[in-house]
């Protein structure tokens, strides 16, 4: 069921609670935030709920990455809004942020007692490795869905190199990619809009 197929009666309190708890699961089971959350977003909102299509999630990621703020909160806001307007956006934001807020409060209250603990330091080292794997998984899935021809591969490599080798902000790289995509589309169709 795509977001445009949601029945109006579903957009009541029960649906908002479903949005909240879905995003709460994403927030609760992702360490590292940001890009590490993307595979869980896909599992929850595409595979389990069917709220968003795979093609749409790529656009949501691109927009979320290009806006100021945390990508997970931006993506949650966008998805929640598409599902149920402003109340859906609020439910999604609250859901994705609640687990982190609770964990931060708990850690902050106990941090002084265990910050030098050997096992805690090693646990965080393992968590960082797992987060790196999740980011690679997200990159693989996005690449698999997007890099379907030589042009997209070339554009992706150029964008990566510019981002990696320079201090150019990612928003400019994304905007340049959009402009190149529009220009190529115009060239392929002879300037005729589709």
N, C-alpha and C. Protein backbone atom coordinates (compact mmCIF):
# COMPACT_ATOMS: atom_id res chain seq x y z
N UNK A 1 0.85 -1.17 0.00
CA UNK A 1 0.00 0.00 0.00
C UNK A 1 0.89 1.23 0.00
N UNK A 2 0.88 2.01 -1.07
CA UNK A 2 1.68 3.23 -1.14
C UNK A 2 1.04 4.35 -0.35
N UNK A 3 1.79 5.42 -0.14
CA UNK A 3 1.29 6.51 0.68
C UNK A 3 0.08 7.17 0.06
N UNK A 4 -0.05 7.15 -1.27
CA UNK A 4 -1.20 7.78 -1.90
C UNK A 4 -2.45 6.92 -1.78
N UNK A 5 -2.33 5.67 -1.34
CA UNK A 5 -3.46 4.77 -1.23
C UNK A 5 -3.99 4.65 0.19
N UNK A 6 -3.47 5.42 1.12
CA UNK A 6 -3.93 5.34 2.50
C UNK A 6 -5.32 5.94 2.58
N UNK A 7 -6.24 5.19 3.16
CA UNK A 7 -7.61 5.64 3.30
C UNK A 7 -7.70 6.75 4.34
N UNK A 8 -8.57 7.77 4.10
CA UNK A 8 -8.69 8.88 5.04
C UNK A 8 -9.03 8.44 6.46
N UNK A 9 -9.86 7.40 6.64
CA UNK A 9 -10.22 6.98 7.99
C UNK A 9 -9.04 6.38 8.74
N UNK A 10 -8.01 5.93 7.99
CA UNK A 10 -6.83 5.37 8.64
C UNK A 10 -5.97 6.46 9.28
N UNK A 11 -6.21 7.70 8.90
CA UNK A 11 -5.36 8.78 9.37
C UNK A 11 -5.80 9.30 10.73
N UNK A 12 -6.43 8.48 11.53
CA UNK A 12 -6.82 8.85 12.87
C UNK A 12 -5.71 8.53 13.86
N UNK A 13 -6.10 8.50 15.12
CA UNK A 13 -5.15 8.28 16.21
C UNK A 13 -4.44 6.93 16.06
N UNK A 14 -5.16 5.90 15.68
CA UNK A 14 -4.56 4.57 15.54
C UNK A 14 -3.44 4.58 14.50
N UNK A 15 -3.69 5.25 13.38
CA UNK A 15 -2.67 5.32 12.33
C UNK A 15 -1.47 6.14 12.80
N UNK A 16 -1.73 7.24 13.51
CA UNK A 16 -0.63 8.06 14.04
C UNK A 16 0.20 7.27 15.04
N UNK A 17 -0.45 6.46 15.86
CA UNK A 17 0.29 5.60 16.80
C UNK A 17 1.11 4.57 16.05
N UNK A 18 0.57 4.04 14.96
CA UNK A 18 1.32 3.09 14.13
C UNK A 18 2.57 3.76 13.56
N UNK A 19 2.42 4.99 13.08
CA UNK A 19 3.58 5.74 12.58
C UNK A 19 4.59 5.93 13.70
N UNK A 20 4.11 6.38 14.87
CA UNK A 20 4.99 6.62 16.01
C UNK A 20 5.79 5.37 16.37
N UNK A 21 5.10 4.24 16.55
CA UNK A 21 5.79 3.02 16.98
C UNK A 21 6.68 2.43 15.89
N UNK A 22 6.31 2.61 14.64
CA UNK A 22 7.18 2.15 13.54
C UNK A 22 8.50 2.91 13.57
N UNK A 23 8.42 4.22 13.68
CA UNK A 23 9.64 5.03 13.72
C UNK A 23 10.38 4.87 15.04
N UNK A 24 9.65 4.55 16.09
CA UNK A 24 10.28 4.26 17.38
C UNK A 24 11.17 3.00 17.25
N UNK A 25 10.69 2.00 16.52
CA UNK A 25 11.50 0.79 16.28
C UNK A 25 12.76 1.13 15.51
N UNK A 26 12.62 1.97 14.50
CA UNK A 26 13.80 2.38 13.73
C UNK A 26 14.79 3.07 14.64
N UNK A 27 14.31 4.00 15.45
CA UNK A 27 15.18 4.73 16.35
C UNK A 27 15.79 3.86 17.43
N UNK A 28 15.04 2.86 17.88
CA UNK A 28 15.51 2.01 18.98
C UNK A 28 16.56 0.99 18.54
N UNK A 29 16.49 0.55 17.31
CA UNK A 29 17.36 -0.54 16.88
C UNK A 29 18.47 -0.10 15.94
N UNK A 30 18.75 1.19 15.91
CA UNK A 30 19.83 1.69 15.07
C UNK A 30 20.82 2.45 15.92
N UNK A 31 22.06 2.02 15.87
CA UNK A 31 23.13 2.75 16.53
C UNK A 31 23.91 3.48 15.45
N UNK A 32 24.25 4.72 15.72
CA UNK A 32 25.02 5.50 14.77
C UNK A 32 24.20 6.51 14.02
N UNK A 33 22.87 6.35 14.01
CA UNK A 33 22.01 7.33 13.37
C UNK A 33 22.30 7.52 11.90
N UNK A 34 21.77 8.59 11.35
CA UNK A 34 22.03 8.98 9.98
C UNK A 34 21.90 7.85 8.98
N UNK A 35 22.96 7.65 8.21
CA UNK A 35 22.95 6.65 7.15
C UNK A 35 22.77 5.23 7.67
N UNK A 36 23.16 4.98 8.91
CA UNK A 36 23.00 3.64 9.47
C UNK A 36 21.53 3.28 9.64
N UNK A 37 20.66 4.29 9.70
CA UNK A 37 19.23 4.03 9.87
C UNK A 37 18.55 3.65 8.55
N UNK A 38 19.17 3.94 7.43
CA UNK A 38 18.50 3.76 6.15
C UNK A 38 18.03 2.33 5.89
N UNK A 39 18.84 1.30 6.17
CA UNK A 39 18.33 -0.06 5.95
C UNK A 39 17.10 -0.38 6.81
N UNK A 40 17.06 0.15 8.02
CA UNK A 40 15.89 -0.07 8.87
C UNK A 40 14.68 0.70 8.38
N UNK A 41 14.88 1.91 7.87
CA UNK A 41 13.77 2.64 7.26
C UNK A 41 13.18 1.81 6.14
N UNK A 42 14.04 1.27 5.28
CA UNK A 42 13.57 0.48 4.15
C UNK A 42 12.77 -0.73 4.62
N UNK A 43 13.30 -1.44 5.60
CA UNK A 43 12.60 -2.63 6.09
C UNK A 43 11.23 -2.26 6.67
N UNK A 44 11.18 -1.21 7.46
CA UNK A 44 9.94 -0.85 8.14
C UNK A 44 8.91 -0.22 7.21
N UNK A 45 9.30 0.80 6.43
CA UNK A 45 8.30 1.56 5.68
C UNK A 45 8.05 1.02 4.27
N UNK A 46 8.98 0.22 3.73
CA UNK A 46 8.77 -0.36 2.40
C UNK A 46 8.33 -1.81 2.53
N UNK A 47 9.18 -2.64 3.16
CA UNK A 47 8.93 -4.08 3.19
C UNK A 47 7.79 -4.46 4.13
N UNK A 48 7.80 -3.96 5.36
CA UNK A 48 6.78 -4.37 6.32
C UNK A 48 5.46 -3.63 6.13
N UNK A 49 5.51 -2.31 6.00
CA UNK A 49 4.28 -1.51 5.97
C UNK A 49 3.80 -1.20 4.55
N UNK A 50 4.71 -1.15 3.59
CA UNK A 50 4.31 -0.80 2.23
C UNK A 50 3.85 0.64 2.09
N UNK A 51 4.32 1.51 2.96
CA UNK A 51 3.90 2.91 2.94
C UNK A 51 4.58 3.70 1.84
N UNK A 52 5.81 3.34 1.52
CA UNK A 52 6.62 4.09 0.56
C UNK A 52 7.19 3.10 -0.45
N UNK A 53 7.30 3.52 -1.70
CA UNK A 53 7.90 2.68 -2.74
C UNK A 53 9.42 2.84 -2.72
N UNK A 54 10.12 1.82 -3.21
CA UNK A 54 11.59 1.85 -3.24
C UNK A 54 12.10 3.07 -4.01
N UNK A 55 11.46 3.38 -5.14
CA UNK A 55 11.91 4.53 -5.93
C UNK A 55 11.75 5.83 -5.15
N UNK A 56 10.67 5.93 -4.37
CA UNK A 56 10.41 7.15 -3.60
C UNK A 56 11.41 7.33 -2.46
N UNK A 57 11.84 6.23 -1.86
CA UNK A 57 12.74 6.34 -0.70
C UNK A 57 14.08 6.95 -1.12
N UNK A 58 14.51 6.69 -2.35
CA UNK A 58 15.76 7.28 -2.83
C UNK A 58 15.65 8.80 -2.91
N UNK A 59 14.50 9.29 -3.38
CA UNK A 59 14.28 10.74 -3.42
C UNK A 59 14.23 11.32 -2.02
N UNK A 60 13.58 10.60 -1.11
CA UNK A 60 13.49 11.05 0.28
C UNK A 60 14.89 11.14 0.89
N UNK A 61 15.74 10.14 0.63
CA UNK A 61 17.11 10.17 1.15
C UNK A 61 17.87 11.37 0.59
N UNK A 62 17.73 11.60 -0.71
CA UNK A 62 18.46 12.71 -1.34
C UNK A 62 18.03 14.04 -0.75
N UNK A 63 16.73 14.24 -0.60
CA UNK A 63 16.23 15.48 -0.02
C UNK A 63 16.68 15.60 1.43
N UNK A 64 16.56 14.52 2.18
CA UNK A 64 16.93 14.54 3.60
C UNK A 64 18.41 14.84 3.80
N UNK A 65 19.25 14.31 2.93
CA UNK A 65 20.69 14.55 3.03
C UNK A 65 21.04 15.98 2.68
N UNK A 66 20.28 16.58 1.78
CA UNK A 66 20.62 17.93 1.32
C UNK A 66 20.10 19.03 2.25
N UNK A 67 19.22 18.69 3.17
CA UNK A 67 18.69 19.68 4.11
C UNK A 67 19.54 19.74 5.37
N UNK A 68 19.52 20.89 6.05
CA UNK A 68 20.24 20.94 7.32
C UNK A 68 19.57 20.04 8.35
N UNK A 69 20.35 19.52 9.26
CA UNK A 69 19.81 18.66 10.30
C UNK A 69 20.19 17.22 10.13
N UNK A 70 19.63 16.41 10.98
CA UNK A 70 19.93 14.98 11.02
C UNK A 70 19.14 14.26 9.94
N UNK A 71 19.82 13.46 9.12
CA UNK A 71 19.17 12.79 7.99
C UNK A 71 17.99 11.91 8.45
N UNK A 72 18.14 11.21 9.56
CA UNK A 72 17.07 10.33 10.04
C UNK A 72 15.84 11.12 10.43
N UNK A 73 16.03 12.26 11.07
CA UNK A 73 14.89 13.10 11.46
C UNK A 73 14.26 13.72 10.21
N UNK A 74 15.10 14.17 9.28
CA UNK A 74 14.57 14.73 8.04
C UNK A 74 13.76 13.70 7.26
N UNK A 75 14.30 12.49 7.13
CA UNK A 75 13.60 11.43 6.40
C UNK A 75 12.31 11.05 7.12
N UNK A 76 12.36 10.97 8.44
CA UNK A 76 11.15 10.65 9.22
C UNK A 76 10.08 11.71 9.02
N UNK A 77 10.50 12.96 9.05
CA UNK A 77 9.56 14.07 8.85
C UNK A 77 8.89 13.96 7.48
N UNK A 78 9.69 13.74 6.47
CA UNK A 78 9.19 13.66 5.11
C UNK A 78 8.21 12.50 4.95
N UNK A 79 8.60 11.33 5.43
CA UNK A 79 7.74 10.15 5.31
C UNK A 79 6.46 10.33 6.12
N UNK A 80 6.59 10.78 7.37
CA UNK A 80 5.41 11.00 8.20
C UNK A 80 4.45 11.99 7.58
N UNK A 81 4.99 13.05 6.98
CA UNK A 81 4.15 14.05 6.34
C UNK A 81 3.42 13.46 5.14
N UNK A 82 4.12 12.65 4.35
CA UNK A 82 3.47 12.01 3.19
C UNK A 82 2.36 11.07 3.62
N UNK A 83 2.54 10.46 4.78
CA UNK A 83 1.55 9.49 5.24
C UNK A 83 0.31 10.14 5.85
N UNK A 84 0.50 11.20 6.64
CA UNK A 84 -0.64 11.77 7.37
C UNK A 84 -0.50 13.26 7.64
N UNK A 85 0.18 13.97 6.77
CA UNK A 85 0.29 15.42 6.94
C UNK A 85 1.13 15.80 8.15
N UNK A 86 0.85 16.97 8.70
CA UNK A 86 1.62 17.47 9.84
C UNK A 86 1.53 16.53 11.04
N UNK A 87 0.35 15.99 11.39
CA UNK A 87 0.32 15.05 12.52
C UNK A 87 1.19 13.81 12.28
N UNK A 88 1.24 13.34 11.04
CA UNK A 88 2.10 12.20 10.71
C UNK A 88 3.58 12.54 10.85
N UNK A 89 3.94 13.77 10.43
CA UNK A 89 5.33 14.21 10.57
C UNK A 89 5.72 14.29 12.05
N UNK A 90 4.83 14.84 12.87
CA UNK A 90 5.10 14.95 14.31
C UNK A 90 5.23 13.56 14.93
N UNK A 91 4.34 12.64 14.55
CA UNK A 91 4.39 11.27 15.10
C UNK A 91 5.69 10.58 14.70
N UNK A 92 6.11 10.75 13.45
CA UNK A 92 7.35 10.12 12.97
C UNK A 92 8.58 10.70 13.67
N UNK A 93 8.62 12.03 13.81
CA UNK A 93 9.75 12.67 14.50
C UNK A 93 9.81 12.20 15.95
N UNK A 94 8.67 12.24 16.62
CA UNK A 94 8.64 11.82 18.03
C UNK A 94 9.07 10.37 18.15
N UNK A 95 8.61 9.52 17.23
CA UNK A 95 8.96 8.11 17.28
C UNK A 95 10.44 7.86 17.09
N UNK A 96 11.03 8.48 16.08
CA UNK A 96 12.44 8.22 15.79
C UNK A 96 13.36 8.82 16.85
N UNK A 97 12.91 9.88 17.52
CA UNK A 97 13.76 10.54 18.51
C UNK A 97 13.60 10.00 19.93
N UNK A 98 12.46 9.43 20.26
CA UNK A 98 12.20 8.98 21.63
C UNK A 98 13.24 7.99 22.15
N UNK A 99 13.57 6.92 21.42
CA UNK A 99 14.57 5.98 21.95
C UNK A 99 15.91 6.64 22.24
N UNK A 100 16.38 7.48 21.32
CA UNK A 100 17.66 8.16 21.54
C UNK A 100 17.60 9.07 22.75
N UNK A 101 16.51 9.78 22.89
CA UNK A 101 16.36 10.67 24.04
C UNK A 101 16.42 9.89 25.35
N UNK A 102 15.71 8.78 25.41
CA UNK A 102 15.71 7.96 26.63
C UNK A 102 17.10 7.39 26.92
N UNK A 103 17.77 6.91 25.88
CA UNK A 103 19.11 6.35 26.07
C UNK A 103 20.09 7.43 26.49
N UNK A 104 20.00 8.61 25.88
CA UNK A 104 20.91 9.70 26.24
C UNK A 104 20.70 10.12 27.69
N UNK A 105 19.45 10.19 28.12
CA UNK A 105 19.18 10.54 29.52
C UNK A 105 19.78 9.50 30.45
N UNK A 106 19.60 8.21 30.12
CA UNK A 106 20.14 7.14 30.97
C UNK A 106 21.67 7.17 30.99
N UNK A 107 22.27 7.33 29.82
CA UNK A 107 23.74 7.35 29.75
C UNK A 107 24.30 8.57 30.46
N UNK A 108 23.68 9.72 30.25
CA UNK A 108 24.18 10.94 30.88
C UNK A 108 24.13 10.84 32.40
N UNK A 109 23.10 10.19 32.91
CA UNK A 109 22.99 10.07 34.37
C UNK A 109 24.01 9.10 34.94
N UNK A 110 24.49 8.15 34.13
CA UNK A 110 25.44 7.15 34.63
C UNK A 110 26.84 7.30 34.02
N UNK A 111 27.03 8.26 33.13
CA UNK A 111 28.28 8.37 32.37
C UNK A 111 29.51 8.49 33.25
N UNK A 112 29.43 9.27 34.28
CA UNK A 112 30.59 9.48 35.16
C UNK A 112 31.08 8.16 35.75
N UNK A 113 30.17 7.24 35.99
CA UNK A 113 30.52 5.99 36.65
C UNK A 113 31.15 4.95 35.72
N UNK A 114 30.87 5.05 34.41
CA UNK A 114 31.41 3.99 33.54
C UNK A 114 32.18 4.49 32.33
N UNK A 115 32.49 5.77 32.24
CA UNK A 115 33.16 6.27 31.04
C UNK A 115 34.56 5.69 30.84
N UNK A 116 35.23 5.30 31.90
CA UNK A 116 36.57 4.73 31.79
C UNK A 116 36.56 3.20 31.80
N UNK A 117 35.40 2.60 31.81
CA UNK A 117 35.27 1.15 31.88
C UNK A 117 35.80 0.50 30.60
N UNK A 118 36.67 -0.48 30.76
CA UNK A 118 37.30 -1.18 29.64
C UNK A 118 36.25 -1.82 28.73
N UNK A 119 35.26 -2.50 29.30
CA UNK A 119 34.25 -3.21 28.51
C UNK A 119 33.34 -2.25 27.75
N UNK A 120 33.03 -1.14 28.36
CA UNK A 120 32.21 -0.14 27.67
C UNK A 120 32.95 0.40 26.46
N UNK A 121 34.23 0.70 26.61
CA UNK A 121 35.04 1.20 25.49
C UNK A 121 35.09 0.17 24.36
N UNK A 122 35.25 -1.10 24.70
CA UNK A 122 35.30 -2.15 23.68
C UNK A 122 33.94 -2.35 23.03
N UNK A 123 32.87 -2.22 23.81
CA UNK A 123 31.53 -2.35 23.25
C UNK A 123 31.28 -1.25 22.21
N UNK A 124 31.66 -0.02 22.53
CA UNK A 124 31.48 1.07 21.58
C UNK A 124 32.33 0.86 20.32
N UNK A 125 33.47 0.26 20.47
CA UNK A 125 34.31 -0.04 19.30
C UNK A 125 33.58 -1.03 18.38
N UNK A 126 32.95 -2.04 18.96
CA UNK A 126 32.17 -2.99 18.17
C UNK A 126 30.95 -2.35 17.53
N UNK A 127 30.30 -1.46 18.25
CA UNK A 127 29.14 -0.76 17.70
C UNK A 127 29.55 0.07 16.48
N UNK A 128 30.68 0.75 16.55
CA UNK A 128 31.15 1.55 15.41
C UNK A 128 31.38 0.67 14.18
N UNK A 129 31.92 -0.51 14.38
CA UNK A 129 32.14 -1.42 13.25
C UNK A 129 30.81 -1.86 12.64
N UNK A 130 29.84 -2.15 13.49
CA UNK A 130 28.52 -2.55 12.99
C UNK A 130 27.85 -1.41 12.23
N UNK A 131 28.00 -0.19 12.71
CA UNK A 131 27.44 0.98 12.04
C UNK A 131 28.07 1.14 10.66
N UNK A 132 29.37 0.95 10.55
CA UNK A 132 30.03 1.04 9.24
C UNK A 132 29.44 0.02 8.27
N UNK A 133 29.16 -1.18 8.75
CA UNK A 133 28.56 -2.21 7.90
C UNK A 133 27.16 -1.78 7.44
N UNK A 134 26.38 -1.18 8.32
CA UNK A 134 25.04 -0.72 7.94
C UNK A 134 25.10 0.40 6.90
N UNK A 135 26.08 1.28 7.03
CA UNK A 135 26.24 2.35 6.05
C UNK A 135 26.62 1.77 4.69
N UNK A 136 27.50 0.78 4.67
CA UNK A 136 27.85 0.12 3.41
C UNK A 136 26.64 -0.58 2.80
N UNK A 137 25.81 -1.20 3.64
CA UNK A 137 24.60 -1.86 3.16
C UNK A 137 23.66 -0.84 2.52
N UNK A 138 23.47 0.30 3.17
CA UNK A 138 22.61 1.35 2.62
C UNK A 138 23.16 1.83 1.28
N UNK A 139 24.47 2.05 1.20
CA UNK A 139 25.09 2.50 -0.06
C UNK A 139 24.90 1.45 -1.16
N UNK A 140 25.05 0.18 -0.81
CA UNK A 140 24.87 -0.89 -1.79
C UNK A 140 23.44 -0.90 -2.33
N UNK A 141 22.46 -0.81 -1.43
CA UNK A 141 21.06 -0.85 -1.87
C UNK A 141 20.69 0.36 -2.72
N UNK A 142 21.15 1.52 -2.32
CA UNK A 142 20.87 2.72 -3.10
C UNK A 142 21.56 2.62 -4.46
N UNK A 143 22.81 2.16 -4.47
CA UNK A 143 23.54 1.99 -5.72
C UNK A 143 22.86 1.00 -6.64
N UNK A 144 22.40 -0.11 -6.09
CA UNK A 144 21.74 -1.15 -6.88
C UNK A 144 20.47 -0.61 -7.54
N UNK A 145 19.74 0.23 -6.81
CA UNK A 145 18.50 0.78 -7.35
C UNK A 145 18.73 1.93 -8.31
N UNK A 146 19.87 2.60 -8.20
CA UNK A 146 20.10 3.83 -8.96
C UNK A 146 21.07 3.67 -10.12
N UNK A 147 22.13 2.92 -9.93
CA UNK A 147 23.21 2.85 -10.92
C UNK A 147 22.91 1.80 -11.98
N UNK A 148 22.05 2.18 -12.93
CA UNK A 148 21.58 1.22 -13.92
C UNK A 148 22.19 1.44 -15.30
N UNK A 149 22.92 2.54 -15.49
CA UNK A 149 23.56 2.76 -16.79
C UNK A 149 24.90 3.47 -16.58
N UNK A 150 25.66 3.58 -17.66
CA UNK A 150 27.00 4.16 -17.58
C UNK A 150 26.96 5.60 -17.10
N UNK A 151 25.97 6.37 -17.54
CA UNK A 151 25.86 7.77 -17.12
C UNK A 151 25.75 7.88 -15.60
N UNK A 152 24.89 7.09 -15.00
CA UNK A 152 24.71 7.15 -13.54
C UNK A 152 25.98 6.72 -12.81
N UNK A 153 26.67 5.71 -13.35
CA UNK A 153 27.93 5.29 -12.73
C UNK A 153 28.97 6.41 -12.79
N UNK A 154 29.09 7.03 -13.95
CA UNK A 154 30.07 8.12 -14.11
C UNK A 154 29.72 9.27 -13.18
N UNK A 155 28.45 9.66 -13.15
CA UNK A 155 28.03 10.75 -12.28
C UNK A 155 28.27 10.42 -10.81
N UNK A 156 28.01 9.18 -10.41
CA UNK A 156 28.23 8.77 -9.02
C UNK A 156 29.71 8.82 -8.66
N UNK A 157 30.57 8.35 -9.55
CA UNK A 157 32.02 8.38 -9.29
C UNK A 157 32.51 9.82 -9.20
N UNK A 158 32.06 10.67 -10.11
CA UNK A 158 32.47 12.08 -10.07
C UNK A 158 31.99 12.74 -8.78
N UNK A 159 30.73 12.50 -8.41
CA UNK A 159 30.20 13.09 -7.17
C UNK A 159 30.98 12.60 -5.95
N UNK A 160 31.31 11.30 -5.94
CA UNK A 160 32.09 10.76 -4.83
C UNK A 160 33.46 11.43 -4.75
N UNK A 161 34.13 11.53 -5.88
CA UNK A 161 35.47 12.12 -5.89
C UNK A 161 35.44 13.59 -5.47
N UNK A 162 34.47 14.33 -5.96
CA UNK A 162 34.36 15.74 -5.57
C UNK A 162 34.13 15.85 -4.07
N UNK A 163 33.23 15.05 -3.54
CA UNK A 163 32.92 15.09 -2.11
C UNK A 163 34.11 14.63 -1.28
N UNK A 164 34.79 13.59 -1.73
CA UNK A 164 35.90 13.01 -0.98
C UNK A 164 37.16 13.87 -1.03
N UNK A 165 37.43 14.47 -2.19
CA UNK A 165 38.70 15.17 -2.39
C UNK A 165 38.63 16.68 -2.19
N UNK A 166 37.45 17.21 -1.95
CA UNK A 166 37.34 18.67 -1.81
C UNK A 166 36.49 19.02 -0.59
N UNK A 167 36.42 20.30 -0.33
CA UNK A 167 35.59 20.79 0.77
C UNK A 167 34.24 21.31 0.27
N UNK A 168 33.88 20.97 -0.95
CA UNK A 168 32.60 21.41 -1.50
C UNK A 168 31.47 20.74 -0.71
N UNK A 169 30.52 21.54 -0.28
CA UNK A 169 29.41 21.03 0.52
C UNK A 169 28.56 20.07 -0.31
N UNK A 170 28.04 19.06 0.34
CA UNK A 170 27.27 18.01 -0.32
C UNK A 170 26.03 18.58 -1.03
N UNK A 171 25.45 19.65 -0.52
CA UNK A 171 24.27 20.23 -1.18
C UNK A 171 24.60 20.68 -2.59
N UNK A 172 25.80 21.23 -2.80
CA UNK A 172 26.19 21.68 -4.14
C UNK A 172 26.41 20.49 -5.07
N UNK A 173 26.92 19.41 -4.54
CA UNK A 173 27.11 18.20 -5.34
C UNK A 173 25.75 17.63 -5.74
N UNK A 174 24.81 17.61 -4.81
CA UNK A 174 23.46 17.11 -5.11
C UNK A 174 22.77 18.00 -6.13
N UNK A 175 22.85 19.32 -5.95
CA UNK A 175 22.24 20.25 -6.90
C UNK A 175 22.87 20.11 -8.29
N UNK A 176 24.19 19.97 -8.35
CA UNK A 176 24.86 19.77 -9.63
C UNK A 176 24.39 18.48 -10.29
N UNK A 177 24.24 17.42 -9.50
CA UNK A 177 23.73 16.16 -10.04
C UNK A 177 22.33 16.32 -10.60
N UNK A 178 21.49 17.08 -9.90
CA UNK A 178 20.13 17.32 -10.38
C UNK A 178 20.15 18.09 -11.70
N UNK A 179 20.99 19.11 -11.78
CA UNK A 179 21.08 19.90 -13.01
C UNK A 179 21.60 19.07 -14.18
N UNK A 180 22.60 18.23 -13.92
CA UNK A 180 23.12 17.35 -14.97
C UNK A 180 22.04 16.37 -15.41
N UNK A 181 21.29 15.83 -14.46
CA UNK A 181 20.20 14.91 -14.80
C UNK A 181 19.14 15.57 -15.66
N UNK A 182 18.76 16.81 -15.32
CA UNK A 182 17.78 17.55 -16.11
C UNK A 182 18.33 17.82 -17.51
N UNK A 183 19.59 18.27 -17.58
CA UNK A 183 20.20 18.56 -18.88
C UNK A 183 20.25 17.31 -19.76
N UNK A 184 20.65 16.19 -19.19
CA UNK A 184 20.72 14.95 -19.96
C UNK A 184 19.33 14.54 -20.44
N UNK A 185 18.33 14.69 -19.59
CA UNK A 185 16.96 14.35 -19.96
C UNK A 185 16.51 15.21 -21.14
N UNK A 186 16.84 16.50 -21.09
CA UNK A 186 16.48 17.41 -22.20
C UNK A 186 17.19 16.98 -23.49
N UNK A 187 18.46 16.60 -23.38
CA UNK A 187 19.21 16.16 -24.56
C UNK A 187 18.61 14.89 -25.15
N UNK A 188 18.25 13.95 -24.28
CA UNK A 188 17.71 12.66 -24.75
C UNK A 188 16.34 12.82 -25.40
N UNK A 189 15.53 13.76 -24.90
CA UNK A 189 14.18 13.93 -25.43
C UNK A 189 14.09 15.07 -26.43
N UNK A 190 15.22 15.69 -26.75
CA UNK A 190 15.21 16.80 -27.70
C UNK A 190 14.59 18.05 -27.13
N UNK A 191 14.63 18.20 -25.81
CA UNK A 191 14.10 19.40 -25.16
C UNK A 191 12.61 19.34 -24.87
N UNK A 192 11.96 18.21 -25.21
CA UNK A 192 10.53 18.07 -24.97
C UNK A 192 10.30 17.56 -23.56
N UNK A 193 9.43 18.23 -22.80
CA UNK A 193 9.10 17.78 -21.44
C UNK A 193 8.20 16.57 -21.51
N UNK A 194 8.38 15.67 -20.55
CA UNK A 194 7.55 14.46 -20.53
C UNK A 194 6.48 14.57 -19.49
